[in-house]
C-alpha atoms as a PDB file:
ATOM      1  CA  MET A   1     -61.176  11.350  25.147  1.00  0.00           C
ATOM      2  CA  ASN A   2     -59.179  10.518  28.233  1.00  0.00           C
ATOM      3  CA  ILE A   3     -58.329   7.018  26.900  1.00  0.00           C
ATOM      4  CA  ILE A   4     -57.266   8.402  23.525  1.00  0.00           C
ATOM      5  CA  ARG A   5     -55.032  10.928  25.310  1.00  0.00           C
ATOM      6  CA  LYS A   6     -53.386   8.116  27.359  1.00  0.00           C
ATOM      7  CA  ILE A   7     -52.868   6.002  24.195  1.00  0.00           C
ATOM      8  CA  ILE A   8     -51.243   8.927  22.405  1.00  0.00           C
ATOM      9  CA  ILE A   9     -48.969   9.718  25.371  1.00  0.00           C
ATOM     10  CA  GLY A  10     -48.008   6.018  25.642  1.00  0.00           C
ATOM     11  CA  LEU A  11     -47.117   5.911  21.958  1.00  0.00           C
ATOM     12  CA  LEU A  12     -45.058   9.011  22.168  1.00  0.00           C
ATOM     13  CA  LEU A  13     -43.165   7.646  25.144  1.00  0.00           C
ATOM     14  CA  ALA A  14     -42.567   4.354  23.328  1.00  0.00           C
ATOM     15  CA  ILE A  15     -41.277   6.186  20.241  1.00  0.00           C
ATOM     16  CA  ALA A  16     -38.932   8.311  22.392  1.00  0.00           C
ATOM     17  CA  ALA A  17     -37.577   5.203  24.190  1.00  0.00           C
ATOM     18  CA  TYR A  18     -37.113   3.445  20.874  1.00  0.00           C
ATOM     19  CA  ASN A  19     -35.209   6.397  19.399  1.00  0.00           C
ATOM     20  CA  SER A  20     -33.013   6.622  22.511  1.00  0.00           C
ATOM     21  CA  GLN A  21     -32.177   2.953  22.295  1.00  0.00           C
ATOM     22  CA  ALA A  22     -31.447   3.219  18.556  1.00  0.00           C
ATOM     23  CA  GLN A  23     -29.099   6.103  19.102  1.00  0.00           C
ATOM     24  CA  THR A  24     -27.253   4.112  21.884  1.00  0.00           C
ATOM     25  CA  ASN A  25     -26.947   1.109  19.587  1.00  0.00           C
ATOM     26  CA  ASN A  26     -25.670   3.389  16.786  1.00  0.00           C
ATOM     27  CA  ASN A  27     -23.067   4.934  19.010  1.00  0.00           C
ATOM     28  CA  GLN A  28     -21.906   1.545  20.213  1.00  0.00           C
ATOM     29  CA  ALA A  29     -21.672   0.312  16.554  1.00  0.00           C
ATOM     30  CA  GLN A  30     -19.483   3.345  15.663  1.00  0.00           C
ATOM     31  CA  ILE A  31     -17.262   2.686  18.636  1.00  0.00           C
ATOM     32  CA  ASN A  32     -16.846  -0.967  17.650  1.00  0.00           C
ATOM     33  CA  ASN A  33     -16.281  -0.150  13.955  1.00  0.00           C
ATOM     34  CA  ASN A  34     -12.804   1.287  14.417  1.00  0.00           C
ATOM     35  CA  ILE A  35     -10.112  -0.109  12.169  1.00  0.00           C
ATOM     36  CA  ASN A  36      -6.500  -0.169  13.291  1.00  0.00           C
ATOM     37  CA  ILE A  37      -4.220   1.242  10.668  1.00  0.00           C
ATOM     38  CA  THR A  38      -0.883  -0.211  11.379  1.00  0.00           C
ATOM     39  CA  LYS A  39       2.668   0.178   9.946  1.00  0.00           C
ATOM     40  CA  LEU A  40       1.942   3.540   8.281  1.00  0.00           C
ATOM     41  CA  THR A  41       5.142   4.618   6.563  1.00  0.00           C
ATOM     42  CA  ALA A  42       6.187   7.049   3.899  1.00  0.00           C
ATOM     43  CA  ASN A  43       9.539   7.272   2.138  1.00  0.00           C
ATOM     44  CA  GLU A  44      11.120   8.792  -0.888  1.00  0.00           C
ATOM     45  CA  LYS A  45      13.638   7.030  -3.029  1.00  0.00           C
ATOM     46  CA  ASP A  46      14.789   7.870  -6.627  1.00  0.00           C
ATOM     47  CA  ASN A  47      12.230  10.614  -6.849  1.00  0.00           C
ATOM     48  CA  LYS A  48       9.402   8.265  -6.024  1.00  0.00           C
ATOM     49  CA  LEU A  49       7.120   8.681  -2.985  1.00  0.00           C
ATOM     50  CA  SER A  50       5.845   5.456  -1.461  1.00  0.00           C
ATOM     51  CA  ILE A  51       3.247   5.290   1.268  1.00  0.00           C
ATOM     52  CA  LYS A  52       2.481   1.885   2.806  1.00  0.00           C
ATOM     53  CA  TRP A  53       0.052   0.744   5.488  1.00  0.00           C
ATOM     54  CA  SER A  54      -1.640  -2.289   6.906  1.00  0.00           C
ATOM     55  CA  THR A  55      -4.856  -2.829   8.769  1.00  0.00           C
ATOM     56  CA  ASP A  56      -6.041  -5.267  11.356  1.00  0.00           C
ATOM     57  CA  GLY A  57      -8.823  -6.319   8.929  1.00  0.00           C
ATOM     58  CA  LYS A  58     -11.550  -6.196  11.635  1.00  0.00           C
ATOM     59  CA  VAL A  59     -13.740  -3.769   9.775  1.00  0.00           C
ATOM     60  CA  ALA A  60     -15.031  -4.184   6.236  1.00  0.00           C
ATOM     61  CA  THR A  61     -13.270  -1.608   4.007  1.00  0.00           C
ATOM     62  CA  ASN A  62     -14.879   0.203   1.136  1.00  0.00           C
ATOM     63  CA  TYR A  63     -11.846   2.361   0.200  1.00  0.00           C
ATOM     64  CA  PHE A  64      -9.008   4.519   1.595  1.00  0.00           C
ATOM     65  CA  GLU A  65      -8.198   8.156   0.730  1.00  0.00           C
ATOM     66  CA  VAL A  66      -4.568   9.110   0.733  1.00  0.00           C
ATOM     67  CA  GLN A  67      -4.430  12.700   1.846  1.00  0.00           C
ATOM     68  CA  GLN A  68      -1.601  15.212   1.697  1.00  0.00           C
ATOM     69  CA  SER A  69      -0.970  18.548   3.281  1.00  0.00           C
ATOM     70  CA  GLU A  70       1.851  21.123   3.154  1.00  0.00           C
ATOM     71  CA  ASP A  71       1.141  22.509   6.657  1.00  0.00           C
ATOM     72  CA  GLY A  72      -0.181  19.473   8.553  1.00  0.00           C
ATOM     73  CA  THR A  73      -3.662  20.962   9.005  1.00  0.00           C
ATOM     74  CA  GLU A  74      -5.313  21.464   5.597  1.00  0.00           C
ATOM     75  CA  PHE A  75      -5.403  18.149   3.809  1.00  0.00           C
ATOM     76  CA  ARG A  76      -6.562  17.228   0.349  1.00  0.00           C
ATOM     77  CA  THR A  77      -7.217  13.795  -1.201  1.00  0.00           C
ATOM     78  CA  ILE A  78      -4.518  12.828  -3.729  1.00  0.00           C
ATOM     79  CA  ALA A  79      -5.573   9.179  -4.340  1.00  0.00           C
ATOM     80  CA  LEU A  80      -8.177   6.560  -3.720  1.00  0.00           C
ATOM     81  CA  VAL A  81      -7.166   3.000  -2.824  1.00  0.00           C
ATOM     82  CA  LEU A  82      -9.848   0.334  -3.032  1.00  0.00           C
ATOM     83  CA  GLY A  83     -10.489  -2.070  -0.110  1.00  0.00           C
ATOM     84  CA  PRO A  84      -9.054  -5.554   0.085  1.00  0.00           C
ATOM     85  CA  ASP A  85      -9.227  -8.166  -2.710  1.00  0.00           C
ATOM     86  CA  PRO A  86     -11.888 -10.626  -1.678  1.00  0.00           C
ATOM     87  CA  CYS A  87      -9.678 -13.442  -2.990  1.00  0.00           C
ATOM     88  CA  SER A  88      -6.835 -12.484  -0.638  1.00  0.00           C
ATOM     89  CA  ASN A  89      -6.385 -12.494   3.092  1.00  0.00           C
ATOM     90  CA  GLU A  90      -3.832  -9.583   2.910  1.00  0.00           C
ATOM     91  CA  ASP A  91      -4.573  -6.264   4.545  1.00  0.00           C
ATOM     92  CA  ASP A  92      -1.520  -4.445   3.109  1.00  0.00           C
ATOM     93  CA  TYR A  93      -1.903  -1.360   0.912  1.00  0.00           C
ATOM     94  CA  LYS A  94       0.313   1.126  -0.852  1.00  0.00           C
ATOM     95  CA  TYR A  95       0.319   4.219  -2.933  1.00  0.00           C
ATOM     96  CA  SER A  96       3.222   5.683  -4.934  1.00  0.00           C
ATOM     97  CA  GLN A  97       3.819   8.719  -7.135  1.00  0.00           C
ATOM     98  CA  LYS A  98       6.674  10.550  -8.735  1.00  0.00           C
ATOM     99  CA  VAL A  99       8.090  13.461  -6.767  1.00  0.00           C
ATOM    100  CA  LYS A 100       9.499  16.643  -8.213  1.00  0.00           C
ATOM    101  CA  LYS A 101      12.982  17.572  -7.119  1.00  0.00           C
ATOM    102  CA  GLY A 102      13.074  20.295  -4.529  1.00  0.00           C
ATOM    103  CA  SER A 103       9.517  19.509  -3.257  1.00  0.00           C
ATOM    104  CA  LYS A 104       8.572  20.874   0.152  1.00  0.00           C
ATOM    105  CA  ALA A 105       8.170  18.639   3.145  1.00  0.00           C
ATOM    106  CA  ALA A 106       4.713  17.110   3.138  1.00  0.00           C
ATOM    107  CA  TYR A 107       2.363  15.560   5.643  1.00  0.00           C
ATOM    108  CA  PHE A 108       0.249  12.531   4.899  1.00  0.00           C
ATOM    109  CA  ARG A 109      -2.681  10.614   6.433  1.00  0.00           C
ATOM    110  CA  ILE A 110      -4.963   7.875   5.445  1.00  0.00           C
ATOM    111  CA  LYS A 111      -8.777   8.203   5.613  1.00  0.00           C
ATOM    112  CA  HIS A 112     -10.571   4.849   5.973  1.00  0.00           C
ATOM    113  CA  VAL A 113     -14.116   4.574   4.662  1.00  0.00           C
ATOM    114  CA  ASP A 114     -15.926   1.434   5.662  1.00  0.00           C
ATOM    115  CA  THR A 115     -18.861  -0.293   3.962  1.00  0.00           C
ATOM    116  CA  ASN A 116     -21.314   1.665   6.078  1.00  0.00           C
ATOM    117  CA  TRP A 117     -19.694   4.971   5.076  1.00  0.00           C
ATOM    118  CA  ASN A 118     -18.202   5.583   8.493  1.00  0.00           C
ATOM    119  CA  GLU A 119     -14.883   7.474   8.267  1.00  0.00           C
ATOM    120  CA  GLN A 120     -11.746   7.299  10.323  1.00  0.00           C
ATOM    121  CA  LEU A 121      -8.462   9.148  10.027  1.00  0.00           C
ATOM    122  CA  SER A 122      -4.976   7.680  10.696  1.00  0.00           C
ATOM    123  CA  LYS A 123      -2.217   9.458  12.448  1.00  0.00           C
ATOM    124  CA  ILE A 124      -0.342  12.103  10.470  1.00  0.00           C
ATOM    125  CA  ILE A 125       3.129  11.298   9.246  1.00  0.00           C
ATOM    126  CA  GLN A 126       5.716  13.653   7.769  1.00  0.00           C
ATOM    127  CA  LEU A 127       8.091  13.165   4.883  1.00  0.00           C
END
């Protein structure tokens, strides 16, 4: 019985060590999977809103969510923009929509979703 007990304790310790190492590796992967959203701009011209952004292309992109808020805290997704064209080296994206006259000021941000379903939010910009 004593040998079986030692084997079970050894297996439990090995599993705990493996899980701890797997969590450390997962945390490091999440840290290294940050994408840099650059040149995020929003402007309005001729009743048309245009949001443009670029990325550093270091993380595989599944899609982006364009999110809007009236107060800068509660955001809702207004559009999905697919990741890069595999036939292109460009990492530039844009979204545009018509704007009603007299619309309130709005806040926007971009939510990046990578191919592993990790999410990252951009800074918030106001228009």
